Amino acid sequence: MTASLSELACILLAVPSIASPGAMMAVVLLTDNHRFSFDDQLITALIMLSILFITYLLFVIANRIQRVIGNTGAAVISRVMGLILAAVAVNNMLVGIQGFLYSSQLNRPSKVADKRHNEVRANKKRLDNHLSNLLIFI
């Protein structure tokens, strides 16, 4: 049984999305013996196993789903998911920039700090409103 090049590419893209660095870091942090009890770690393990089982089931029925939605449906879903990924990436970047600007403006001398702190809060509110409007638009 030989696989075509496109099938190999799908396999290579699917594995990092299941066991991404973010997912691995989340499991490491959520199973810290010093911060979480055994019950909490057991719940984390059960959730992880259930997600892996659901992913396995989706892989098993992937051909049936492909037949139902067709190539056009798969292309549409792929583009919509790419748009969602881009929106999340832009949001994370704007939150990081906002945090940087907010923290850099607070490191001022004390007389100016009170006035600047109020200005920063007002700017933060405006930026939050712009971010929420941008995410609603997307």
N, C-alpha and C. Protein backbone atom coordinates (compact mmCIF):
# COMPACT_ATOMS: atom_id res chain seq x y z
N MET A 1 0.84 -1.16 0.00
CA MET A 1 0.00 0.00 0.00
C MET A 1 0.90 1.24 0.00
N THR A 2 0.83 2.01 -1.07
CA THR A 2 1.64 3.22 -1.17
C THR A 2 0.73 4.43 -1.06
N ALA A 3 1.25 5.48 -0.45
CA ALA A 3 0.48 6.71 -0.27
C ALA A 3 0.95 7.74 -1.27
N SER A 4 -0.01 8.53 -1.73
CA SER A 4 0.37 9.61 -2.65
C SER A 4 1.03 10.74 -1.88
N LEU A 5 1.61 11.65 -2.62
CA LEU A 5 2.31 12.77 -2.00
C LEU A 5 1.36 13.64 -1.18
N SER A 6 0.13 13.84 -1.66
CA SER A 6 -0.82 14.68 -0.93
C SER A 6 -1.24 14.02 0.38
N GLU A 7 -1.36 12.69 0.40
CA GLU A 7 -1.71 12.00 1.64
C GLU A 7 -0.59 12.12 2.66
N LEU A 8 0.67 12.04 2.21
CA LEU A 8 1.79 12.20 3.11
C LEU A 8 1.81 13.61 3.69
N ALA A 9 1.49 14.59 2.86
CA ALA A 9 1.48 15.97 3.33
C ALA A 9 0.41 16.16 4.40
N CYS A 10 -0.73 15.52 4.23
CA CYS A 10 -1.79 15.64 5.24
C CYS A 10 -1.35 15.02 6.55
N ILE A 11 -0.68 13.90 6.49
CA ILE A 11 -0.21 13.25 7.71
C ILE A 11 0.81 14.13 8.41
N LEU A 12 1.73 14.72 7.65
CA LEU A 12 2.74 15.57 8.26
C LEU A 12 2.14 16.83 8.86
N LEU A 13 1.05 17.33 8.32
CA LEU A 13 0.39 18.51 8.88
C LEU A 13 -0.51 18.15 10.05
N ALA A 14 -1.06 16.95 10.06
CA ALA A 14 -2.02 16.57 11.09
C ALA A 14 -1.33 16.30 12.43
N VAL A 15 -0.17 15.70 12.41
CA VAL A 15 0.49 15.32 13.66
C VAL A 15 0.84 16.54 14.52
N PRO A 16 1.44 17.62 13.97
CA PRO A 16 1.71 18.77 14.84
C PRO A 16 0.45 19.44 15.37
N SER A 17 -0.66 19.34 14.65
CA SER A 17 -1.88 19.96 15.16
C SER A 17 -2.48 19.16 16.31
N ILE A 18 -2.19 17.89 16.40
CA ILE A 18 -2.68 17.08 17.52
C ILE A 18 -1.76 17.24 18.72
N ALA A 19 -0.48 17.13 18.51
CA ALA A 19 0.50 17.22 19.60
C ALA A 19 1.37 18.45 19.39
N SER A 20 0.74 19.61 19.42
CA SER A 20 1.47 20.85 19.18
C SER A 20 2.29 21.23 20.42
N PRO A 21 3.25 22.10 20.26
CA PRO A 21 4.02 22.55 21.43
C PRO A 21 3.14 23.18 22.50
N GLY A 22 2.09 23.89 22.08
CA GLY A 22 1.17 24.49 23.05
C GLY A 22 0.42 23.43 23.84
N ALA A 23 -0.02 22.37 23.17
CA ALA A 23 -0.73 21.29 23.85
C ALA A 23 0.20 20.57 24.82
N MET A 24 1.44 20.34 24.39
CA MET A 24 2.39 19.67 25.28
C MET A 24 2.69 20.53 26.50
N MET A 25 2.85 21.82 26.30
CA MET A 25 3.12 22.72 27.42
C MET A 25 1.93 22.77 28.38
N ALA A 26 0.72 22.76 27.84
CA ALA A 26 -0.47 22.77 28.69
C ALA A 26 -0.53 21.51 29.55
N VAL A 27 -0.23 20.37 28.97
CA VAL A 27 -0.24 19.13 29.75
C VAL A 27 0.84 19.15 30.82
N VAL A 28 2.03 19.64 30.47
CA VAL A 28 3.11 19.72 31.46
C VAL A 28 2.72 20.64 32.61
N LEU A 29 2.14 21.79 32.30
CA LEU A 29 1.76 22.73 33.35
C LEU A 29 0.59 22.22 34.19
N LEU A 30 -0.36 21.54 33.56
CA LEU A 30 -1.55 21.08 34.27
C LEU A 30 -1.31 19.80 35.06
N THR A 31 -0.17 19.18 34.89
CA THR A 31 0.14 17.96 35.66
C THR A 31 1.32 18.18 36.59
N ASP A 32 1.52 19.41 37.02
CA ASP A 32 2.60 19.72 37.97
C ASP A 32 2.24 19.14 39.33
N ASN A 33 3.07 18.24 39.85
CA ASN A 33 2.79 17.57 41.12
C ASN A 33 2.74 18.51 42.31
N HIS A 34 3.44 19.62 42.23
CA HIS A 34 3.51 20.54 43.37
C HIS A 34 2.32 21.49 43.43
N ARG A 35 1.63 21.67 42.31
CA ARG A 35 0.52 22.62 42.29
C ARG A 35 -0.85 21.96 42.19
N PHE A 36 -0.93 20.77 41.62
CA PHE A 36 -2.22 20.14 41.38
C PHE A 36 -2.28 18.79 42.07
N SER A 37 -3.45 18.48 42.61
CA SER A 37 -3.64 17.20 43.28
C SER A 37 -3.74 16.07 42.25
N PHE A 38 -3.72 14.86 42.75
CA PHE A 38 -3.84 13.70 41.87
C PHE A 38 -5.18 13.71 41.13
N ASP A 39 -6.24 14.13 41.81
CA ASP A 39 -7.57 14.19 41.17
C ASP A 39 -7.57 15.18 40.01
N ASP A 40 -6.95 16.35 40.20
CA ASP A 40 -6.87 17.33 39.12
C ASP A 40 -6.08 16.78 37.94
N GLN A 41 -4.99 16.09 38.23
CA GLN A 41 -4.17 15.52 37.16
C GLN A 41 -4.92 14.39 36.45
N LEU A 42 -5.71 13.64 37.20
CA LEU A 42 -6.51 12.58 36.59
C LEU A 42 -7.56 13.17 35.65
N ILE A 43 -8.19 14.26 36.06
CA ILE A 43 -9.16 14.93 35.20
C ILE A 43 -8.49 15.43 33.92
N THR A 44 -7.30 16.00 34.06
CA THR A 44 -6.55 16.47 32.89
C THR A 44 -6.24 15.31 31.95
N ALA A 45 -5.81 14.19 32.51
CA ALA A 45 -5.48 13.02 31.68
C ALA A 45 -6.73 12.48 30.98
N LEU A 46 -7.86 12.46 31.68
CA LEU A 46 -9.10 11.96 31.07
C LEU A 46 -9.58 12.88 29.95
N ILE A 47 -9.46 14.17 30.15
CA ILE A 47 -9.84 15.12 29.10
C ILE A 47 -8.94 14.94 27.89
N MET A 48 -7.64 14.79 28.13
CA MET A 48 -6.70 14.61 27.04
C MET A 48 -7.01 13.32 26.27
N LEU A 49 -7.28 12.25 26.98
CA LEU A 49 -7.60 10.98 26.32
C LEU A 49 -8.91 11.06 25.55
N SER A 50 -9.89 11.77 26.08
CA SER A 50 -11.16 11.90 25.35
C SER A 50 -10.97 12.72 24.08
N ILE A 51 -10.15 13.75 24.13
CA ILE A 51 -9.88 14.55 22.92
C ILE A 51 -9.13 13.70 21.90
N LEU A 52 -8.17 12.91 22.35
CA LEU A 52 -7.46 12.02 21.43
C LEU A 52 -8.39 10.98 20.81
N PHE A 53 -9.35 10.47 21.60
CA PHE A 53 -10.31 9.50 21.08
C PHE A 53 -11.23 10.14 20.04
N ILE A 54 -11.69 11.36 20.32
CA ILE A 54 -12.53 12.06 19.35
C ILE A 54 -11.75 12.33 18.07
N THR A 55 -10.48 12.70 18.20
CA THR A 55 -9.64 12.92 17.03
C THR A 55 -9.47 11.63 16.24
N TYR A 56 -9.28 10.52 16.93
CA TYR A 56 -9.16 9.22 16.28
C TYR A 56 -10.43 8.89 15.49
N LEU A 57 -11.59 9.12 16.13
CA LEU A 57 -12.85 8.86 15.43
C LEU A 57 -13.00 9.73 14.19
N LEU A 58 -12.60 10.98 14.28
CA LEU A 58 -12.68 11.85 13.11
C LEU A 58 -11.75 11.38 12.00
N PHE A 59 -10.57 10.88 12.36
CA PHE A 59 -9.67 10.33 11.35
C PHE A 59 -10.27 9.07 10.71
N VAL A 60 -10.95 8.26 11.50
CA VAL A 60 -11.54 7.03 10.97
C VAL A 60 -12.65 7.35 9.97
N ILE A 61 -13.47 8.35 10.26
CA ILE A 61 -14.59 8.67 9.36
C ILE A 61 -14.26 9.80 8.39
N ALA A 62 -12.99 10.17 8.27
CA ALA A 62 -12.61 11.29 7.41
C ALA A 62 -13.01 11.08 5.95
N ASN A 63 -12.87 9.85 5.44
CA ASN A 63 -13.25 9.59 4.05
C ASN A 63 -14.74 9.78 3.83
N ARG A 64 -15.54 9.35 4.78
CA ARG A 64 -17.00 9.54 4.66
C ARG A 64 -17.36 11.02 4.69
N ILE A 65 -16.71 11.76 5.58
CA ILE A 65 -16.96 13.20 5.65
C ILE A 65 -16.55 13.86 4.34
N GLN A 66 -15.42 13.44 3.77
CA GLN A 66 -14.95 14.00 2.50
C GLN A 66 -15.96 13.72 1.39
N ARG A 67 -16.53 12.53 1.36
CA ARG A 67 -17.51 12.21 0.34
C ARG A 67 -18.77 13.07 0.49
N VAL A 68 -19.16 13.35 1.73
CA VAL A 68 -20.38 14.13 1.97
C VAL A 68 -20.17 15.60 1.59
N ILE A 69 -19.08 16.19 2.03
CA ILE A 69 -18.89 17.63 1.78
C ILE A 69 -18.24 17.90 0.44
N GLY A 70 -17.55 16.93 -0.14
CA GLY A 70 -16.92 17.10 -1.44
C GLY A 70 -15.66 17.95 -1.36
N ASN A 71 -15.02 18.09 -2.51
CA ASN A 71 -13.78 18.87 -2.56
C ASN A 71 -14.04 20.35 -2.32
N THR A 72 -15.16 20.85 -2.84
CA THR A 72 -15.48 22.26 -2.65
C THR A 72 -15.74 22.57 -1.19
N GLY A 73 -16.50 21.70 -0.53
CA GLY A 73 -16.76 21.89 0.90
C GLY A 73 -15.49 21.84 1.73
N ALA A 74 -14.59 20.92 1.37
CA ALA A 74 -13.33 20.83 2.10
C ALA A 74 -12.49 22.09 1.89
N ALA A 75 -12.51 22.63 0.67
CA ALA A 75 -11.76 23.87 0.41
C ALA A 75 -12.35 25.04 1.18
N VAL A 76 -13.68 25.11 1.24
CA VAL A 76 -14.34 26.19 1.99
C VAL A 76 -14.00 26.09 3.47
N ILE A 77 -14.10 24.89 4.03
CA ILE A 77 -13.79 24.71 5.45
C ILE A 77 -12.33 25.05 5.72
N SER A 78 -11.45 24.65 4.83
CA SER A 78 -10.02 24.96 4.99
C SER A 78 -9.79 26.46 5.01
N ARG A 79 -10.45 27.18 4.12
CA ARG A 79 -10.26 28.64 4.07
C ARG A 79 -10.87 29.32 5.28
N VAL A 80 -12.02 28.86 5.72
CA VAL A 80 -12.64 29.45 6.92
C VAL A 80 -11.76 29.22 8.14
N MET A 81 -11.21 28.01 8.27
CA MET A 81 -10.32 27.73 9.39
C MET A 81 -9.04 28.58 9.30
N GLY A 82 -8.54 28.80 8.10
CA GLY A 82 -7.38 29.68 7.92
C GLY A 82 -7.70 31.11 8.33
N LEU A 83 -8.92 31.57 8.02
CA LEU A 83 -9.34 32.91 8.42
C LEU A 83 -9.44 33.02 9.94
N ILE A 84 -9.98 31.99 10.58
CA ILE A 84 -10.08 31.98 12.04
C ILE A 84 -8.67 31.99 12.65
N LEU A 85 -7.77 31.18 12.10
CA LEU A 85 -6.39 31.15 12.59
C LEU A 85 -5.72 32.52 12.44
N ALA A 86 -5.96 33.18 11.31
CA ALA A 86 -5.38 34.51 11.12
C ALA A 86 -5.95 35.51 12.12
N ALA A 87 -7.26 35.42 12.40
CA ALA A 87 -7.87 36.33 13.37
C ALA A 87 -7.30 36.11 14.77
N VAL A 88 -7.11 34.86 15.15
CA VAL A 88 -6.52 34.56 16.46
C VAL A 88 -5.08 35.06 16.52
N ALA A 89 -4.34 34.90 15.44
CA ALA A 89 -2.95 35.36 15.41
C ALA A 89 -2.88 36.89 15.53
N VAL A 90 -3.74 37.59 14.81
CA VAL A 90 -3.76 39.06 14.88
C VAL A 90 -4.15 39.50 16.29
N ASN A 91 -5.16 38.83 16.86
CA ASN A 91 -5.59 39.17 18.22
C ASN A 91 -4.45 38.98 19.22
N ASN A 92 -3.76 37.86 19.14
CA ASN A 92 -2.64 37.62 20.06
C ASN A 92 -1.53 38.64 19.88
N MET A 93 -1.26 39.01 18.64
CA MET A 93 -0.23 40.01 18.39
C MET A 93 -0.64 41.37 18.95
N LEU A 94 -1.91 41.77 18.76
CA LEU A 94 -2.38 43.05 19.28
C LEU A 94 -2.40 43.07 20.81
N VAL A 95 -2.77 41.95 21.42
CA VAL A 95 -2.75 41.87 22.89
C VAL A 95 -1.31 41.99 23.39
N GLY A 96 -0.36 41.36 22.71
CA GLY A 96 1.03 41.48 23.11
C GLY A 96 1.57 42.89 22.97
N ILE A 97 1.22 43.54 21.86
CA ILE A 97 1.64 44.93 21.67
C ILE A 97 1.00 45.82 22.72
N GLN A 98 -0.28 45.58 22.99
CA GLN A 98 -0.98 46.37 24.00
C GLN A 98 -0.33 46.19 25.37
N GLY A 99 -0.01 44.97 25.73
CA GLY A 99 0.65 44.71 27.01
C GLY A 99 2.01 45.37 27.09
N PHE A 100 2.76 45.33 25.98
CA PHE A 100 4.07 45.98 25.96
C PHE A 100 3.94 47.49 26.14
N LEU A 101 3.02 48.09 25.40
CA LEU A 101 2.83 49.54 25.51
C LEU A 101 2.34 49.93 26.89
N TYR A 102 1.44 49.14 27.44
CA TYR A 102 0.90 49.44 28.77
C TYR A 102 1.99 49.34 29.83
N SER A 103 2.82 48.31 29.76
CA SER A 103 3.86 48.15 30.78
C SER A 103 4.98 49.17 30.60
N SER A 104 5.29 49.55 29.37
CA SER A 104 6.37 50.51 29.17
C SER A 104 5.95 51.92 29.58
N GLN A 105 4.65 52.22 29.51
CA GLN A 105 4.18 53.54 29.90
C GLN A 105 4.07 53.69 31.41
N LEU A 106 4.00 52.59 32.13
CA LEU A 106 3.90 52.66 33.59
C LEU A 106 5.25 52.88 34.27
N ASN A 107 6.33 52.65 33.56
CA ASN A 107 7.67 52.81 34.13
C ASN A 107 8.17 54.25 33.94
N ARG A 108 7.46 55.19 34.51
CA ARG A 108 7.79 56.61 34.40
C ARG A 108 8.03 57.16 35.81
N PRO A 109 8.64 58.35 35.94
CA PRO A 109 8.80 58.98 37.25
C PRO A 109 7.44 59.18 37.93
N SER A 110 7.42 59.27 39.26
CA SER A 110 6.18 59.22 40.03
C SER A 110 5.22 60.37 39.76
N LYS A 111 5.69 61.62 39.58
CA LYS A 111 4.78 62.74 39.33
C LYS A 111 4.04 62.56 38.01
N VAL A 112 4.77 62.15 37.03
CA VAL A 112 4.17 61.97 35.72
C VAL A 112 3.39 60.67 35.66
N ALA A 113 3.73 59.73 36.53
CA ALA A 113 3.14 58.39 36.46
C ALA A 113 1.64 58.42 36.68
N ASP A 114 1.15 59.23 37.63
CA ASP A 114 -0.28 59.26 37.89
C ASP A 114 -1.05 59.76 36.68
N LYS A 115 -0.58 60.84 36.10
CA LYS A 115 -1.24 61.39 34.91
C LYS A 115 -1.15 60.40 33.75
N ARG A 116 0.04 59.86 33.55
CA ARG A 116 0.23 58.90 32.45
C ARG A 116 -0.56 57.63 32.69
N HIS A 117 -0.68 57.21 33.94
CA HIS A 117 -1.44 56.00 34.26
C HIS A 117 -2.90 56.16 33.84
N ASN A 118 -3.47 57.33 34.12
CA ASN A 118 -4.85 57.58 33.70
C ASN A 118 -4.98 57.62 32.18
N GLU A 119 -3.99 58.24 31.52
CA GLU A 119 -4.00 58.27 30.06
C GLU A 119 -3.85 56.86 29.48
N VAL A 120 -3.00 56.07 30.10
CA VAL A 120 -2.80 54.70 29.62
C VAL A 120 -4.07 53.90 29.78
N ARG A 121 -4.76 54.07 30.91
CA ARG A 121 -6.04 53.37 31.09
C ARG A 121 -7.05 53.77 30.03
N ALA A 122 -7.12 55.08 29.73
CA ALA A 122 -8.05 55.54 28.70
C ALA A 122 -7.66 54.96 27.33
N ASN A 123 -6.35 54.96 27.04
CA ASN A 123 -5.88 54.39 25.78
C ASN A 123 -6.15 52.89 25.73
N LYS A 124 -5.98 52.21 26.86
CA LYS A 124 -6.23 50.77 26.92
C LYS A 124 -7.70 50.49 26.65
N LYS A 125 -8.59 51.31 27.22
CA LYS A 125 -10.02 51.14 26.98
C LYS A 125 -10.35 51.33 25.50
N ARG A 126 -9.77 52.38 24.90
CA ARG A 126 -10.00 52.63 23.48
C ARG A 126 -9.47 51.47 22.63
N LEU A 127 -8.29 50.97 22.98
CA LEU A 127 -7.72 49.86 22.23
C LEU A 127 -8.56 48.60 22.40
N ASP A 128 -9.05 48.36 23.62
CA ASP A 128 -9.94 47.22 23.84
C ASP A 128 -11.20 47.32 22.99
N ASN A 129 -11.76 48.53 22.90
CA ASN A 129 -12.95 48.72 22.07
C ASN A 129 -12.63 48.48 20.60
N HIS A 130 -11.47 48.97 20.15
CA HIS A 130 -11.08 48.73 18.76
C HIS A 130 -10.86 47.25 18.50
N LEU A 131 -10.22 46.55 19.44
CA LEU A 131 -10.00 45.11 19.28
C LEU A 131 -11.31 44.36 19.22
N SER A 132 -12.25 44.69 20.10
CA SER A 132 -13.53 43.98 20.08
C SER A 132 -14.30 44.28 18.80
N ASN A 133 -14.23 45.54 18.31
CA ASN A 133 -14.88 45.86 17.04
C ASN A 133 -14.22 45.11 15.89
N LEU A 134 -12.90 45.00 15.93
CA LEU A 134 -12.18 44.27 14.88
C LEU A 134 -12.57 42.80 14.89
N LEU A 135 -12.63 42.20 16.07
CA LEU A 135 -12.99 40.77 16.15
C LEU A 135 -14.44 40.54 15.75
N ILE A 136 -15.33 41.48 16.06
CA ILE A 136 -16.72 41.34 15.62
C ILE A 136 -16.79 41.44 14.11
N PHE A 137 -16.00 42.34 13.54
CA PHE A 137 -15.97 42.50 12.09
C PHE A 137 -15.46 41.26 11.40
N ILE A 138 -14.43 40.64 11.97
CA ILE A 138 -13.85 39.44 11.36
C ILE A 138 -14.80 38.30 11.55
